[in-house]
Amino acid sequence: MKTNILIPGIALAVGLGVGFGVGKGGEASSGEANGNEVRTRSTDRSGAGADSAADKERKQRSISEIYRQPGQIDRVQGLLDYYSNLSADQFAAEAEKLDSLPFNERILASFLLFGKWAEVDPTAAMAFTDTMGFAGAFVRPTVLQGWASTDPVNAAKYYTDNPQQFAMMDMMGGRGRGMGAQGAGAIIAGEWAKQDPDAALEWASSLKSGSGDAMRSVVSEVAKSDPSKAAAMAATMPEKDRKDAYESIALEWGAKNFTEASAWANGLPADQRDAAMASAIAGLSQSSPELAATELSKMTDANALRDAAPTVVKNLARQDVKGSMDLVNGLSDDDAKRETMREVMPIWTASDSAAALDFVKSQTSADVKDSAARSYVFSNSTAPFSEQAEVAAMISDERDQARTSGMVAMRWMQQDEAGATEYINSNPTFSDEAKKQLLSGEMNWGGRDGGGGGGGGRGR
């Protein structure tokens, strides 16, 4: 099993804080109930050769023994070995055991188990997700991707026969691109494109919904190895879907050969050119952030600048904190500056907290300063609490100031109750009710991280 099939599901599950409680009974999946179960080949990837004694002993260890061994990577390998050694009728019993694991261990084991189960008996794995309640929706992407990685044709048939089973996944894929979320069609299409891109594109274009994202997934995958072919494929797509596809191609092409990517992007229609160029520059920044910074400074389209700036500045900051600060200060668009804060402030505070604080203080735009101050506080848990409180007080938006100050108060209370109590009682940002909750440790602030806006506020 390829471990990369697990990443999208794990990231989504952790980001949403989903607990993977597993139901004990449940009903059959909609695929079995309506007679649409697809026969698939069972794959045994445990190897045909004879195992050594050490290999056999490793594969026979229990889950509890695996988690007691030192080294996270060794534990992952132990779980992979353990699940790879299961027969098709053993997976359900192992899935029921997941509920007894601590949350962090449950996440990892869930996706390793269901990823392997999907390769061995995908319809049974999919049926089991229906017994998991709400959490089943967050396991299905792993099952679907594991299935499509070995048998995309039947995975695609199951999806088109059972669209209602993937409604939540498709909703997150359509709205969660910033989290890297994909809809079911895009997951299948991307895996299929690794094996037969032309067939994958034909299937993706036939979908009644989500066809644009699915086709973009195909051309993005093809662009990793042959961007010119991907560009030719994208040119056959409906006009409304080309812009996103071109951006995906430009990102991959820019990382491989920026000269070629920029020449291609400059030849696109005017309404697609700037966005593609922004993606190409973002791709370039993966390997040459200094050159990408130079290219970014040439951009005149505000929307394209906002799209490219966070990635370019983040990649530059990893190598040159001062240079990345100069780059942000040199941007002509305040929205572009503001959009970079969530990405770069954690890097800045970890590398040079004093310089990061100077940056916050030097901003003249209220929106940029608010974003920088929020990000500074949320990403810098090592600065003195009095300094964090000072920065929170710089925020001009009342609601954001209250929420950020609340974060400072909660951190302060954990380490210095007396100092935190004085801060809370003397802070006019907090309502009487907020003060009461903060002092009792019952405040549920519910704010977003430092790059966000809105929410929170007095009396919450």
Protein backbone atom coordinates (compact mmCIF):
# COMPACT_ATOMS: atom_id res chain seq x y z
CA MET A 1 0.00 0.00 0.00
CA LYS A 2 1.24 3.46 -0.86
CA THR A 3 1.31 5.62 2.26
CA ASN A 4 0.71 8.76 0.19
CA ILE A 5 -2.92 7.75 -0.27
CA LEU A 6 -3.43 8.42 3.43
CA ILE A 7 -2.30 12.02 3.60
CA PRO A 8 -5.47 13.86 2.45
CA GLY A 9 -7.71 11.92 4.81
CA ILE A 10 -5.41 12.28 7.81
CA ALA A 11 -4.97 16.00 7.26
CA LEU A 12 -8.72 16.50 6.96
CA ALA A 13 -9.50 14.40 10.00
CA VAL A 14 -6.95 16.13 12.19
CA GLY A 15 -8.01 19.56 10.95
CA LEU A 16 -11.64 18.93 11.83
CA GLY A 17 -10.87 17.15 15.10
CA VAL A 18 -12.95 14.13 14.15
CA GLY A 19 -12.96 11.19 16.56
CA PHE A 20 -12.96 7.87 14.80
CA GLY A 21 -15.36 5.90 16.95
CA VAL A 22 -16.30 2.68 15.21
CA GLY A 23 -19.81 1.25 15.38
CA LYS A 24 -20.24 -2.36 16.42
CA GLY A 25 -23.19 -3.32 14.28
CA GLY A 26 -24.56 -1.19 11.48
CA GLU A 27 -26.22 -2.05 8.23
CA ALA A 28 -24.77 -3.02 4.88
CA SER A 29 -23.57 -0.27 2.57
CA SER A 30 -25.89 1.26 0.04
CA GLY A 31 -23.86 -0.53 -2.62
CA GLU A 32 -24.76 -3.94 -1.18
CA ALA A 33 -28.31 -2.97 -0.28
CA ASN A 34 -29.24 -1.90 -3.80
CA GLY A 35 -27.45 -4.76 -5.52
CA ASN A 36 -24.75 -2.57 -7.03
CA GLU A 37 -21.81 -4.29 -5.39
CA VAL A 38 -18.89 -4.44 -7.81
CA ARG A 39 -16.69 -7.49 -8.01
CA THR A 40 -13.08 -6.51 -7.57
CA ARG A 41 -9.84 -8.34 -7.59
CA SER A 42 -8.31 -9.17 -4.25
CA THR A 43 -4.67 -8.25 -4.03
CA ASP A 44 -2.08 -9.84 -1.77
CA ARG A 45 0.91 -7.54 -1.50
CA SER A 46 2.62 -9.34 1.34
CA GLY A 47 5.17 -10.81 -1.09
CA ALA A 48 5.55 -14.22 -2.67
CA GLY A 49 8.96 -15.01 -1.24
CA ALA A 50 9.56 -16.72 2.07
CA ASP A 51 9.78 -14.40 5.05
CA SER A 52 12.72 -14.51 7.39
CA ALA A 53 12.13 -15.49 10.98
CA ALA A 54 12.47 -11.85 12.01
CA ASP A 55 9.92 -10.79 9.40
CA LYS A 56 7.43 -13.39 10.57
CA GLU A 57 7.89 -12.36 14.19
CA ARG A 58 7.39 -8.70 13.28
CA LYS A 59 4.20 -9.41 11.35
CA GLN A 60 2.73 -11.51 14.16
CA ARG A 61 2.97 -8.81 16.81
CA SER A 62 -0.22 -7.43 18.25
CA ILE A 63 -1.29 -3.81 17.86
CA SER A 64 -0.50 -3.13 21.52
CA GLU A 65 3.01 -4.53 21.10
CA ILE A 66 3.56 -2.38 18.03
CA TYR A 67 2.59 0.77 19.90
CA ARG A 68 4.92 -0.05 22.78
CA GLN A 69 7.99 -0.15 20.60
CA PRO A 70 10.12 3.02 20.34
CA GLY A 71 10.22 5.06 17.15
CA GLN A 72 7.18 6.39 15.29
CA ILE A 73 8.39 5.25 11.88
CA ASP A 74 8.98 1.74 13.22
CA ARG A 75 5.44 1.76 14.58
CA VAL A 76 4.05 2.80 11.20
CA GLN A 77 6.02 0.02 9.53
CA GLY A 78 4.79 -2.42 12.16
CA LEU A 79 1.17 -1.46 11.47
CA LEU A 80 1.70 -1.76 7.72
CA ASP A 81 3.19 -5.22 8.19
CA TYR A 82 0.39 -6.23 10.54
CA TYR A 83 -2.45 -5.07 8.31
CA SER A 84 -0.77 -6.43 5.17
CA ASN A 85 -0.78 -9.88 6.79
CA LEU A 86 -4.55 -9.93 7.39
CA SER A 87 -6.90 -12.05 5.34
CA ALA A 88 -9.96 -10.39 3.84
CA ASP A 89 -12.29 -11.63 6.60
CA GLN A 90 -10.09 -10.29 9.43
CA PHE A 91 -10.29 -6.57 8.66
CA ALA A 92 -13.71 -5.94 10.20
CA ALA A 93 -12.64 -7.38 13.56
CA GLU A 94 -9.52 -5.24 13.51
CA ALA A 95 -11.55 -2.15 12.62
CA GLU A 96 -13.77 -2.71 15.65
CA LYS A 97 -10.68 -2.61 17.88
CA LEU A 98 -9.82 0.91 16.74
CA ASP A 99 -12.30 2.42 19.15
CA SER A 100 -10.17 1.38 22.11
CA LEU A 101 -7.08 3.26 20.92
CA PRO A 102 -6.18 6.79 22.08
CA PHE A 103 -7.25 9.45 19.60
CA ASN A 104 -3.85 10.10 18.00
CA GLU A 105 -3.13 6.39 17.60
CA ARG A 106 -6.64 5.76 16.32
CA ILE A 107 -6.24 8.26 13.46
CA LEU A 108 -3.07 6.66 12.15
CA ALA A 109 -4.27 3.07 12.58
CA SER A 110 -7.63 3.86 10.99
CA PHE A 111 -6.13 5.13 7.78
CA LEU A 112 -3.49 2.45 7.52
CA LEU A 113 -6.09 -0.26 8.08
CA PHE A 114 -8.73 1.12 5.74
CA GLY A 115 -6.15 1.96 3.08
CA LYS A 116 -5.00 -1.66 3.02
CA TRP A 117 -8.53 -3.05 3.33
CA ALA A 118 -9.49 -1.04 0.25
CA GLU A 119 -6.85 -2.88 -1.75
CA VAL A 120 -7.98 -6.30 -0.54
CA ASP A 121 -11.79 -6.03 -0.38
CA PRO A 122 -12.93 -2.47 -1.16
CA THR A 123 -16.69 -3.11 -1.10
CA ALA A 124 -16.46 -4.62 2.39
CA ALA A 125 -14.31 -1.70 3.55
CA MET A 126 -16.79 0.77 2.09
CA ALA A 127 -19.69 -1.08 3.71
CA PHE A 128 -17.99 -0.86 7.10
CA THR A 129 -17.75 2.91 6.85
CA ASP A 130 -21.56 2.97 7.00
CA THR A 131 -21.35 1.51 10.52
CA MET A 132 -19.09 4.31 11.76
CA GLY A 133 -21.62 7.11 12.00
CA PHE A 134 -20.43 10.59 11.11
CA ALA A 135 -16.79 9.49 11.17
CA GLY A 136 -17.39 7.16 8.24
CA ALA A 137 -17.50 10.15 5.90
CA PHE A 138 -13.90 10.94 6.80
CA VAL A 139 -12.66 7.40 6.21
CA ARG A 140 -14.27 6.97 2.79
CA PRO A 141 -11.66 9.12 0.97
CA THR A 142 -8.96 6.67 2.12
CA VAL A 143 -11.03 3.67 1.07
CA LEU A 144 -11.84 5.22 -2.28
CA GLN A 145 -8.26 6.25 -3.01
CA GLY A 146 -6.88 2.87 -1.99
CA TRP A 147 -9.41 1.21 -4.27
CA ALA A 148 -8.72 3.54 -7.20
CA SER A 149 -4.96 3.09 -6.83
CA THR A 150 -5.30 -0.58 -7.81
CA ASP A 151 -8.62 -0.78 -9.67
CA PRO A 152 -9.86 2.64 -10.86
CA VAL A 153 -12.43 1.24 -13.29
CA ASN A 154 -14.45 -0.50 -10.59
CA ALA A 155 -13.89 2.30 -8.10
CA ALA A 156 -15.36 4.68 -10.67
CA LYS A 157 -18.34 2.39 -11.26
CA TYR A 158 -19.04 2.16 -7.55
CA TYR A 159 -18.93 5.93 -7.23
CA THR A 160 -21.27 6.59 -10.12
CA ASP A 161 -23.66 3.86 -8.87
CA ASN A 162 -23.68 5.23 -5.30
CA PRO A 163 -23.30 9.04 -5.50
CA GLN A 164 -25.31 9.64 -2.33
CA GLN A 165 -22.69 7.81 -0.28
CA PHE A 166 -20.11 10.45 -1.22
CA ALA A 167 -22.21 13.59 -0.92
CA MET A 168 -20.29 14.98 2.06
CA MET A 169 -16.92 14.18 0.49
CA ASP A 170 -17.93 15.95 -2.71
CA MET A 171 -19.12 18.95 -0.72
CA MET A 172 -15.77 19.22 1.10
CA GLY A 173 -13.88 18.71 -2.16
CA GLY A 174 -15.74 21.56 -3.80
CA ARG A 175 -15.26 23.99 -0.91
CA GLY A 176 -12.14 22.77 0.83
CA ARG A 177 -9.47 23.19 -1.80
CA GLY A 178 -7.47 25.36 0.57
CA MET A 179 -7.16 22.34 2.88
CA GLY A 180 -6.17 20.08 0.04
CA ALA A 181 -9.55 18.33 0.18
CA GLN A 182 -10.78 16.54 -2.93
CA GLY A 183 -14.14 15.27 -4.03
CA ALA A 184 -14.64 11.59 -4.77
CA GLY A 185 -14.50 12.08 -8.53
CA ALA A 186 -11.23 13.98 -8.30
CA ILE A 187 -9.68 11.28 -6.10
CA ILE A 188 -10.56 8.53 -8.55
CA ALA A 189 -9.55 10.57 -11.59
CA GLY A 190 -6.17 11.44 -10.11
CA GLU A 191 -5.37 7.82 -9.33
CA TRP A 192 -6.64 6.66 -12.71
CA ALA A 193 -4.46 9.26 -14.44
CA LYS A 194 -1.36 7.56 -13.02
CA GLN A 195 -2.30 4.45 -14.97
CA ASP A 196 -4.27 5.63 -18.03
CA PRO A 197 -4.63 9.42 -18.26
CA ASP A 198 -6.68 9.41 -21.47
CA ALA A 199 -9.26 7.02 -20.03
CA ALA A 200 -9.27 9.00 -16.78
CA LEU A 201 -9.98 12.27 -18.61
CA GLU A 202 -12.75 10.67 -20.66
CA TRP A 203 -14.41 9.37 -17.49
CA ALA A 204 -13.96 12.65 -15.62
CA SER A 205 -15.53 14.63 -18.46
CA SER A 206 -18.60 12.35 -18.35
CA LEU A 207 -19.47 13.08 -14.70
CA LYS A 208 -22.75 14.87 -14.10
CA SER A 209 -21.29 16.85 -11.20
CA GLY A 210 -17.74 17.68 -10.19
CA SER A 211 -16.39 17.00 -13.68
CA GLY A 212 -14.29 20.17 -13.64
CA ASP A 213 -12.44 19.20 -10.46
CA ALA A 214 -12.02 15.62 -11.69
CA MET A 215 -10.56 16.75 -15.02
CA ARG A 216 -8.28 19.17 -13.21
CA SER A 217 -7.08 16.26 -11.06
CA VAL A 218 -6.19 14.35 -14.21
CA VAL A 219 -4.22 17.13 -15.90
CA SER A 220 -2.50 18.01 -12.62
CA GLU A 221 -1.26 14.45 -12.30
CA VAL A 222 -0.12 14.33 -15.93
CA ALA A 223 1.66 17.68 -15.51
CA LYS A 224 3.97 16.17 -12.90
CA SER A 225 5.70 14.16 -15.63
CA ASP A 226 4.64 15.79 -18.91
CA PRO A 227 3.28 19.35 -18.53
CA SER A 228 3.07 19.96 -22.28
CA LYS A 229 0.81 16.93 -22.66
CA ALA A 230 -1.26 18.13 -19.73
CA ALA A 231 -1.64 21.52 -21.40
CA ALA A 232 -2.85 19.85 -24.59
CA MET A 233 -5.37 17.81 -22.59
CA ALA A 234 -6.62 20.88 -20.74
CA ALA A 235 -7.19 22.69 -24.03
CA THR A 236 -9.90 20.12 -24.85
CA MET A 237 -11.80 20.80 -21.65
CA PRO A 238 -14.89 23.03 -21.50
CA GLU A 239 -13.89 26.68 -21.35
CA LYS A 240 -15.37 27.17 -17.87
CA ASP A 241 -13.02 24.52 -16.45
CA ARG A 242 -9.80 25.51 -18.18
CA LYS A 243 -8.68 28.28 -15.84
CA ASP A 244 -8.35 26.00 -12.80
CA ALA A 245 -6.75 23.31 -14.93
CA TYR A 246 -4.23 25.75 -16.35
CA GLU A 247 -3.31 26.91 -12.85
CA SER A 248 -2.64 23.32 -11.75
CA ILE A 249 -0.48 22.72 -14.82
CA ALA A 250 1.42 25.97 -14.32
CA LEU A 251 2.22 25.07 -10.70
CA GLU A 252 3.81 21.78 -11.73
CA TRP A 253 5.46 23.21 -14.84
CA GLY A 254 6.87 26.19 -12.98
CA ALA A 255 8.55 23.86 -10.51
CA LYS A 256 10.11 21.82 -13.33
CA ASN A 257 11.04 24.48 -15.89
CA PHE A 258 9.93 28.04 -15.25
CA THR A 259 11.17 29.33 -18.61
CA GLU A 260 8.91 26.92 -20.46
CA ALA A 261 6.04 27.48 -18.04
CA SER A 262 6.14 31.25 -18.34
CA ALA A 263 6.33 31.11 -22.14
CA TRP A 264 3.27 28.86 -22.18
CA ALA A 265 1.36 30.98 -19.65
CA ASN A 266 2.05 34.17 -21.61
CA GLY A 267 0.45 32.56 -24.64
CA LEU A 268 -2.86 31.89 -22.87
CA PRO A 269 -5.95 34.08 -23.33
CA ALA A 270 -5.78 37.33 -21.37
CA ASP A 271 -8.37 36.29 -18.78
CA GLN A 272 -6.36 33.16 -17.89
CA ARG A 273 -2.80 34.43 -18.30
CA ASP A 274 -2.20 36.18 -14.96
CA ALA A 275 -3.59 33.38 -12.81
CA ALA A 276 -1.47 30.79 -14.64
CA MET A 277 1.62 32.97 -14.27
CA ALA A 278 0.95 33.30 -10.54
CA SER A 279 0.85 29.52 -10.23
CA ALA A 280 4.03 29.14 -12.26
CA ILE A 281 5.81 31.58 -9.95
CA ALA A 282 4.52 29.69 -6.91
CA GLY A 283 5.89 26.48 -8.43
CA LEU A 284 9.24 28.15 -9.10
CA SER A 285 9.47 29.20 -5.45
CA GLN A 286 9.72 25.55 -4.40
CA SER A 287 13.26 25.34 -5.77
CA SER A 288 14.31 28.96 -6.39
CA PRO A 289 12.51 31.28 -3.97
CA GLU A 290 14.85 34.20 -4.68
CA LEU A 291 14.12 34.06 -8.41
CA ALA A 292 10.42 33.64 -7.65
CA ALA A 293 10.56 36.75 -5.48
CA THR A 294 12.00 38.68 -8.41
CA GLU A 295 9.24 37.44 -10.68
CA LEU A 296 6.63 38.26 -8.05
CA SER A 297 7.80 41.87 -7.95
CA LYS A 298 7.01 42.17 -11.68
CA MET A 299 3.36 41.20 -11.29
CA THR A 300 0.78 43.92 -11.86
CA ASP A 301 -2.49 42.01 -11.54
CA ALA A 302 -3.69 42.34 -7.93
CA ASN A 303 -5.59 39.06 -7.79
CA ALA A 304 -2.69 37.08 -9.21
CA LEU A 305 -0.31 38.79 -6.80
CA ARG A 306 -2.50 37.77 -3.84
CA ASP A 307 -2.58 34.19 -5.09
CA ALA A 308 1.19 33.83 -5.49
CA ALA A 309 2.53 35.95 -2.62
CA PRO A 310 1.84 33.63 0.37
CA THR A 311 3.62 30.64 -1.21
CA VAL A 312 6.57 32.64 -2.54
CA VAL A 313 7.13 34.52 0.72
CA LYS A 314 6.81 31.34 2.79
CA ASN A 315 9.38 29.48 0.70
CA LEU A 316 11.74 32.46 0.79
CA ALA A 317 11.34 32.81 4.56
CA ARG A 318 12.64 29.29 5.07
CA GLN A 319 15.97 30.43 3.63
CA ASP A 320 16.07 34.16 4.28
CA VAL A 321 13.82 35.64 6.97
CA LYS A 322 15.04 39.21 6.48
CA GLY A 323 14.67 38.94 2.72
CA SER A 324 11.12 37.68 3.06
CA MET A 325 10.22 40.59 5.34
CA ASP A 326 11.65 43.02 2.79
CA LEU A 327 9.66 41.29 0.07
CA VAL A 328 6.39 41.67 1.99
CA ASN A 329 7.10 45.31 2.80
CA GLY A 330 7.80 45.91 -0.87
CA LEU A 331 4.47 44.53 -2.06
CA SER A 332 2.20 47.21 -3.47
CA ASP A 333 -1.05 45.48 -2.51
CA ASP A 334 -2.11 45.49 1.16
CA ASP A 335 -4.37 42.49 0.65
CA ALA A 336 -1.40 40.50 -0.65
CA LYS A 337 0.59 41.51 2.43
CA ARG A 338 -2.25 40.50 4.71
CA GLU A 339 -2.65 37.12 3.00
CA THR A 340 0.99 36.22 3.66
CA MET A 341 0.84 36.59 7.43
CA ARG A 342 -0.65 33.22 8.29
CA GLU A 343 2.04 31.48 6.23
CA VAL A 344 5.16 33.37 7.24
CA MET A 345 4.67 34.71 10.75
CA PRO A 346 5.23 31.29 12.39
CA ILE A 347 8.54 31.04 10.50
CA TRP A 348 9.52 34.57 11.45
CA THR A 349 8.72 34.23 15.15
CA ALA A 350 10.60 30.93 15.38
CA SER A 351 13.67 32.36 13.65
CA ASP A 352 13.79 35.98 14.86
CA SER A 353 11.00 36.97 17.21
CA ALA A 354 12.35 40.48 17.72
CA ALA A 355 12.43 41.17 13.98
CA ALA A 356 8.91 39.77 13.64
CA LEU A 357 7.71 42.13 16.38
CA ASP A 358 9.38 45.08 14.66
CA PHE A 359 7.57 44.12 11.47
CA VAL A 360 4.21 44.19 13.26
CA LYS A 361 4.89 47.56 14.82
CA SER A 362 6.07 49.12 11.54
CA GLN A 363 2.90 48.40 9.55
CA THR A 364 0.85 51.46 8.61
CA SER A 365 -2.16 49.67 7.11
CA ALA A 366 -4.66 48.72 9.82
CA ASP A 367 -5.67 45.52 8.04
CA VAL A 368 -2.10 44.37 7.53
CA LYS A 369 -1.14 45.26 11.10
CA ASP A 370 -4.16 43.42 12.50
CA SER A 371 -3.33 40.31 10.51
CA ALA A 372 0.35 40.49 11.47
CA ALA A 373 -0.45 41.00 15.16
CA ARG A 374 -2.95 38.14 15.26
CA SER A 375 -0.50 35.83 13.54
CA TYR A 376 2.31 36.90 15.85
CA VAL A 377 0.34 36.05 18.97
CA PHE A 378 -1.08 32.78 17.71
CA SER A 379 2.27 31.53 16.41
CA ASN A 380 4.55 32.78 19.18
CA SER A 381 3.88 30.94 22.42
CA THR A 382 7.41 31.54 23.79
CA ALA A 383 7.36 35.35 23.94
CA PRO A 384 6.72 36.88 27.39
CA PHE A 385 3.02 37.11 28.13
CA SER A 386 3.28 40.83 28.67
CA GLU A 387 4.68 41.17 25.14
CA GLN A 388 1.92 38.98 23.69
CA ALA A 389 -0.65 41.13 25.47
CA GLU A 390 0.97 44.28 24.08
CA VAL A 391 0.78 42.94 20.54
CA ALA A 392 -2.85 41.82 20.97
CA ALA A 393 -3.71 45.35 22.07
CA MET A 394 -2.38 46.69 18.75
CA ILE A 395 -5.27 45.05 16.87
CA SER A 396 -7.79 47.67 15.79
CA ASP A 397 -10.71 45.34 15.15
CA GLU A 398 -12.52 44.99 18.48
CA ARG A 399 -13.69 41.43 17.99
CA ASP A 400 -10.31 40.19 16.82
CA GLN A 401 -8.56 42.03 19.64
CA ALA A 402 -10.84 40.38 22.19
CA ARG A 403 -10.29 36.92 20.77
CA THR A 404 -6.52 37.31 20.48
CA SER A 405 -6.30 38.76 23.98
CA GLY A 406 -8.32 35.79 25.18
CA MET A 407 -5.74 33.45 23.72
CA VAL A 408 -3.03 35.32 25.61
CA ALA A 409 -5.05 35.11 28.82
CA MET A 410 -5.61 31.36 28.51
CA ARG A 411 -1.91 30.69 27.91
CA TRP A 412 -0.98 33.00 30.77
CA MET A 413 -3.40 31.31 33.15
CA GLN A 414 -1.77 27.92 32.53
CA GLN A 415 1.63 29.13 33.73
CA ASP A 416 1.07 32.15 35.97
CA GLU A 417 -2.38 32.34 37.50
CA ALA A 418 -1.67 35.49 39.51
CA GLY A 419 -0.28 37.41 36.54
CA ALA A 420 -3.07 36.21 34.26
CA THR A 421 -5.73 37.18 36.81
CA GLU A 422 -4.38 40.70 36.99
CA TYR A 423 -4.27 40.93 33.18
CA ILE A 424 -7.82 39.66 32.76
CA ASN A 425 -9.33 41.89 35.44
CA SER A 426 -7.62 45.00 34.11
CA ASN A 427 -8.34 44.42 30.42
CA PRO A 428 -11.29 46.49 29.16
CA THR A 429 -11.49 44.30 26.04
CA PHE A 430 -13.19 41.54 28.05
CA SER A 431 -16.82 41.72 29.10
CA ASP A 432 -17.68 40.75 32.67
CA GLU A 433 -18.91 37.37 31.45
CA ALA A 434 -15.74 36.77 29.44
CA LYS A 435 -13.63 37.64 32.48
CA LYS A 436 -15.60 35.19 34.59
CA GLN A 437 -15.12 32.39 32.07
CA LEU A 438 -11.42 33.10 31.57
CA LEU A 439 -10.75 33.17 35.29
CA SER A 440 -12.58 29.88 35.78
CA GLY A 441 -10.87 28.23 32.80
CA GLU A 442 -14.21 27.60 31.07
CA MET A 443 -13.77 29.90 28.09
CA ASN A 444 -14.29 28.18 24.75
CA TRP A 445 -12.80 30.84 22.51
CA GLY A 446 -13.35 29.04 19.23
CA GLY A 447 -11.15 31.36 17.18
CA ARG A 448 -9.31 30.64 13.97
CA ASP A 449 -5.55 30.77 13.79
CA GLY A 450 -3.51 33.88 13.34
CA GLY A 451 -4.14 34.55 9.66
CA GLY A 452 -7.89 34.56 9.94
CA GLY A 453 -10.38 37.34 10.35
CA GLY A 454 -13.77 37.69 11.98
CA GLY A 455 -15.45 35.92 14.86
CA GLY A 456 -14.93 36.14 18.57
CA GLY A 457 -15.53 39.39 20.38
CA ARG A 458 -16.83 40.97 23.52
CA GLY A 459 -19.08 38.95 25.74
CA ARG A 460 -18.46 35.67 23.98
